[in-house]
Structure formats: structure tokens, C-alpha cells
């Protein structure tokens, strides 16, 4: 539900295909409160149901363009139903140990990486990049581009 992450999404979508073949990108929801944990639960439920690739961007759009309130169960269920998500499967997956474990882990990663705002990127779990550090959303991605070879070289030296 983060507007800053939503604003990063177009630049991120253009950047991802340009990543080197040995670079792997993974979205991890930042969790700062129960409200953010709810959205993280939805994210990981989409992942568990195998629909994250199909629904991630439309869901982001629904939240930020159509003003979908994810903490309104009727509104959320209406959106899910319109988008072909089986509500029983969704509810079951959302309550599952696997999804709840990923939400807990995302909260631990947010705290452990000292992420205090969004959007943020991490490179190899070593370097955290915020929009402030990059001076712009595109600058964040440029900083990640500069750090990928640094990490690659460091990893090669340890082999």
C-alpha cells in the first residue's frame, strides 16, 4: 500500500529486465505496523496462490488509483472476486503458517536492516539504498547498478 513504492514501480519495471543474468531481484514488503503487516500478508498470500505475477501491479493500481481499502474486508473480497481469486483459498492461505512465517520474517528483515522508510533496496543483504541516498527513485536504481559489480567482486574473492 505504500505510495512511495507505487511511485517506484514504473522505474523498477523498466530496470528489472536490464539486470545482469547473475543478479536476482526479490520484493520483500517492509513492515512498520500492523497495517503494513496486513498488506504484507496479502502480498505473500498472492505468492502462495501463484498469482503474484498476475495481480501485483493491478492490486497496486487498485489501492493507489481506485482507492481500494485493503483493511475493508468487503472491499478487498470484492476486488479479489473480480480478479478471479477464490476467497476460501485466499483466506486459508492468508492464515497459513507459511504466509504468516514470511510476514514475520519480513518484519525481522525490516528491523534488522534498519529500514526506516520506503522505498528501499538492498543489495546482497549488505547495502541498503533509500530514495534519499539516491536523490531520486531512478538514482536508487543507479546506486544498485553500481553496487552489483562490487558485490560480485567481493563474492568472487571469497571463493
Protein backbone atom coordinates (compact mmCIF):
# COMPACT_ATOMS: atom_id res chain seq x y z
CA UNK A 1 0.00 0.00 0.00
CA UNK A 2 3.00 2.33 0.14
CA UNK A 3 2.66 5.29 -2.25
CA UNK A 4 6.43 5.67 -2.48
CA UNK A 5 6.85 2.04 -3.57
CA UNK A 6 3.98 2.53 -6.01
CA UNK A 7 5.80 5.54 -7.47
CA UNK A 8 8.98 3.46 -7.84
CA UNK A 9 7.18 0.65 -9.68
CA UNK A 10 7.35 2.07 -13.26
CA UNK A 11 11.10 2.71 -12.99
CA UNK A 12 11.57 -0.67 -11.34
CA UNK A 13 9.65 -2.45 -14.10
CA UNK A 14 11.90 -0.81 -16.70
CA UNK A 15 15.06 -1.62 -14.71
CA UNK A 16 14.42 -5.29 -13.91
CA UNK A 17 14.90 -6.63 -17.46
CA UNK A 18 18.29 -4.91 -17.57
CA UNK A 19 19.69 -6.71 -14.53
CA UNK A 20 22.72 -8.92 -15.19
CA UNK A 21 21.91 -12.63 -15.50
CA UNK A 22 23.53 -13.42 -12.15
CA UNK A 23 21.51 -10.78 -10.28
CA UNK A 24 18.25 -11.81 -8.64
CA UNK A 25 15.55 -9.37 -7.57
CA UNK A 26 13.04 -10.19 -4.83
CA UNK A 27 10.33 -8.00 -3.40
CA UNK A 28 10.02 -8.09 0.37
CA UNK A 29 7.33 -5.96 1.99
CA UNK A 30 8.58 -3.55 4.63
CA UNK A 31 6.63 -3.85 7.86
CA UNK A 32 6.39 -0.91 10.26
CA UNK A 33 3.00 -1.60 11.85
CA UNK A 34 0.03 -3.98 11.94
CA UNK A 35 -1.43 -2.16 8.93
CA UNK A 36 1.72 -2.83 6.90
CA UNK A 37 1.69 -6.44 8.12
CA UNK A 38 -1.82 -6.83 6.67
CA UNK A 39 -0.63 -5.73 3.23
CA UNK A 40 2.42 -7.99 3.55
CA UNK A 41 0.05 -10.87 4.33
CA UNK A 42 -1.89 -10.13 1.16
CA UNK A 43 1.37 -9.99 -0.84
CA UNK A 44 2.55 -13.35 0.50
CA UNK A 45 -0.91 -14.86 0.03
CA UNK A 46 -0.79 -13.87 -3.64
CA UNK A 47 2.63 -15.51 -3.79
CA UNK A 48 1.35 -18.69 -2.10
CA UNK A 49 -1.57 -18.90 -4.53
CA UNK A 50 0.72 -18.42 -7.54
CA UNK A 51 -0.98 -15.20 -8.64
CA UNK A 52 1.55 -12.60 -7.51
CA UNK A 53 2.92 -12.01 -11.01
CA UNK A 54 -0.56 -11.53 -12.39
CA UNK A 55 -2.04 -9.44 -9.57
CA UNK A 56 0.82 -7.42 -8.09
CA UNK A 57 0.53 -4.40 -10.39
CA UNK A 58 -3.28 -4.43 -10.72
CA UNK A 59 -3.54 -4.60 -6.93
CA UNK A 60 -1.11 -1.70 -6.52
CA UNK A 61 -3.17 0.24 -9.06
CA UNK A 62 -6.41 -0.59 -7.26
CA UNK A 63 -5.01 0.73 -3.98
CA UNK A 64 -3.49 3.92 -5.35
CA UNK A 65 -5.70 4.79 -8.30
CA UNK A 66 -9.07 3.34 -7.29
CA UNK A 67 -8.60 3.88 -3.53
CA UNK A 68 -9.15 0.23 -2.57
CA UNK A 69 -9.00 -0.07 1.22
CA UNK A 70 -7.24 -3.33 1.98
CA UNK A 71 -8.37 -3.18 5.60
CA UNK A 72 -12.02 -3.22 4.49
CA UNK A 73 -12.82 -6.94 4.16
CA UNK A 74 -15.88 -6.37 1.93
CA UNK A 75 -13.93 -4.12 -0.46
CA UNK A 76 -10.95 -6.46 -0.51
CA UNK A 77 -13.11 -9.53 -1.10
CA UNK A 78 -14.96 -7.71 -3.88
CA UNK A 79 -11.69 -6.88 -5.61
CA UNK A 80 -10.35 -10.41 -5.16
CA UNK A 81 -13.54 -11.93 -6.55
CA UNK A 82 -13.50 -9.61 -9.58
CA UNK A 83 -9.93 -10.71 -10.24
CA UNK A 84 -10.63 -14.43 -10.13
CA UNK A 85 -9.27 -15.19 -6.66
CA UNK A 86 -11.07 -17.97 -4.80
CA UNK A 87 -11.97 -16.34 -1.49
CA UNK A 88 -11.84 -19.57 0.52
CA UNK A 89 -8.40 -20.42 -0.81
CA UNK A 90 -7.26 -16.85 -0.21
CA UNK A 91 -8.48 -16.86 3.39
CA UNK A 92 -6.93 -20.24 4.09
CA UNK A 93 -3.59 -19.29 2.55
CA UNK A 94 -3.52 -15.95 4.36
CA UNK A 95 -3.91 -17.70 7.72
CA UNK A 96 -1.39 -20.41 6.87
CA UNK A 97 1.82 -20.97 8.77
CA UNK A 98 3.84 -20.40 5.58
CA UNK A 99 2.36 -16.97 4.86
CA UNK A 100 2.48 -15.87 8.49
CA UNK A 101 6.11 -17.02 8.76
CA UNK A 102 7.05 -14.92 5.72
CA UNK A 103 5.29 -11.90 7.20
CA UNK A 104 7.16 -12.35 10.47
CA UNK A 105 10.46 -12.75 8.59
CA UNK A 106 9.77 -9.59 6.53
CA UNK A 107 9.23 -7.69 9.78
CA UNK A 108 12.53 -9.04 11.13
CA UNK A 109 14.32 -8.06 7.91
CA UNK A 110 12.83 -4.56 8.02
CA UNK A 111 14.05 -4.08 11.59
CA UNK A 112 17.38 -5.84 11.09
CA UNK A 113 18.26 -3.78 8.02
CA UNK A 114 17.23 -0.63 9.90
CA UNK A 115 14.88 0.34 7.13
CA UNK A 116 13.04 3.38 8.38
CA UNK A 117 11.30 4.47 5.22
CA UNK A 118 10.25 3.36 1.79
CA UNK A 119 11.08 2.65 -0.87
CA UNK A 120 14.31 0.90 -0.02
CA UNK A 121 16.51 -1.53 -1.90
CA UNK A 122 19.07 -3.95 -0.55
CA UNK A 123 21.96 -5.43 -2.47
CA UNK A 124 23.11 -8.85 -1.27
CA UNK A 125 21.78 -8.08 2.20
CA UNK A 126 24.81 -5.83 2.71
CA UNK A 127 23.87 -2.46 1.29
CA UNK A 128 20.63 -0.59 1.85
CA UNK A 129 19.65 2.16 -0.57
CA UNK A 130 16.93 4.69 0.19
CA UNK A 131 15.42 7.30 -2.09
CA UNK A 132 17.23 9.96 -0.03
CA UNK A 133 20.58 8.35 -0.77
CA UNK A 134 19.80 8.04 -4.46
CA UNK A 135 18.37 11.56 -4.56
CA UNK A 136 15.59 10.15 -6.77
CA UNK A 137 13.84 6.88 -7.49
CA UNK A 138 15.96 6.42 -10.60
CA UNK A 139 19.04 7.28 -8.52
CA UNK A 140 18.23 4.38 -6.20
CA UNK A 141 18.35 2.00 -9.15
CA UNK A 142 21.56 3.58 -10.43
CA UNK A 143 23.13 3.04 -7.00
CA UNK A 144 22.05 -0.60 -7.11
CA UNK A 145 23.64 -0.89 -10.56
CA UNK A 146 26.90 0.43 -9.10
CA UNK A 147 26.79 -1.96 -6.14
CA UNK A 148 26.06 -5.17 -8.06
CA UNK A 149 29.61 -5.41 -9.51
CA UNK A 150 31.07 -4.52 -6.10
CA UNK A 151 29.20 -7.41 -4.50
CA UNK A 152 30.05 -9.73 -7.39
CA UNK A 153 33.75 -8.94 -6.96
CA UNK A 154 33.55 -9.40 -3.20
CA UNK A 155 31.81 -12.77 -3.57
CA UNK A 156 34.37 -13.93 -6.13
CA UNK A 157 37.19 -13.04 -3.74
CA UNK A 158 35.75 -15.28 -1.04
CA UNK A 159 35.64 -18.36 -3.24
